[in-house]
Every structure is written in C-alpha cells, then in structure tokens.
Amino acid sequence: MIAIAAFLLWPRTPLIRIDGAKSLIDAKTTEIRHGLTSHITYENGWRIKLIVDNRQNYVTTRFNKIQITARDALSGSTIGKGQEESILLPGNTISTIELPLYINYITQDLFDTTLMDLEKACNNTKNNESHAALSIHFSLTLYIFMLEQLNYVPTITAVPATGGFYCP
C-alpha cells in the first residue's frame, strides 16, 4: 500500500518547452567610460512563456521557486536571470506559465559577438524590420516541494522549439 501511495504522490520533473516571450521593458544599451576602459551594458526584460507537460504527475506539483538563466549558446555567457515563486501545476495536464527574465549583459568590448547578436535581434522588433533569432539556452532550476527538502533540485535546459529565440 505504501509503495502504491509513493508511486502516485512522488513528484516527477515535468517536460518544459520555451514558447515565446512578451516584452517587459524596452531594450537599452549604455556605455560607461572609465579612463581608457569602458563597460557596455545591454538591458532588457521579458516574460518567457513556458509550456509545461505535467502529465506524468498524478497530483498537483508545487514549485517553491523556479529560477531561469539565459545563456548565449555560442559563447556560454550568461545574459539574464529571473525567478518566480510559489507555482502550482495541476497533475495530468499541460499548462502554460510565464517567468520574468531580466537581461543585464555587460562587456568591455564594443564588438562582442553576444552584444552584437542581442542588439541585432532585439532592437529592431518594433519597426517590423526582419530580425534574427538568438541562439539561447535557458536553464531552469526547479525547486519542487518535497524534493527540495531531500536536497534534490533539478536543473534542466530548454531551447525554443523554433530553432532560435525571437525577441518580443
């Protein structure tokens, strides 16, 4: 009887897919000079839409927190982070959730490829100009109730299904 209850109640890591984003703030590039050196900062904010397949769980899955980190797939540089707390996903369903992601990329090189890719892909979206897709990997750290108490905090990598991420 205990084995059956454990099988039904034990939380499993859901399958997650990136499905676009909404804009939170306008993109901004700032250059600060310090003598002979300078720092270039690219800032932006998005609400990342996630499709979460929770069909392998029979009861509601409770996340104490979900952290999201965006990394440039080519350079591995972290470009942004965000988190949402207290999320409930009904069991045996596919749900949509949104997570905030704040982009704060800093470089010292005006010709940094990650910076140039961000500006090319994200600064032309309002003018209906064609813009490129970004090669971004999203890491999601899932603080699942019960599993977190056992020091098990899974991190999964999700990539957009379209082959690239299009800025909102």
Foldseek 3Di string as FASTA:
>chain_A
DVVVVCQQAPADAWDKAWDAKDWDDAWDWDWADDVPFIKIKIKTKIWIKMKTQQQSHNAKWWFQKKKKWKAQPPPRHTFWIWMDGTDIDGYNDIDMDITMIIGIDMDRDPVPPVVVLCCQQRVCVVVPDDGDFTRMKMKMWTRIPPVVVVVDIDIDIYAHPVRGHHHD
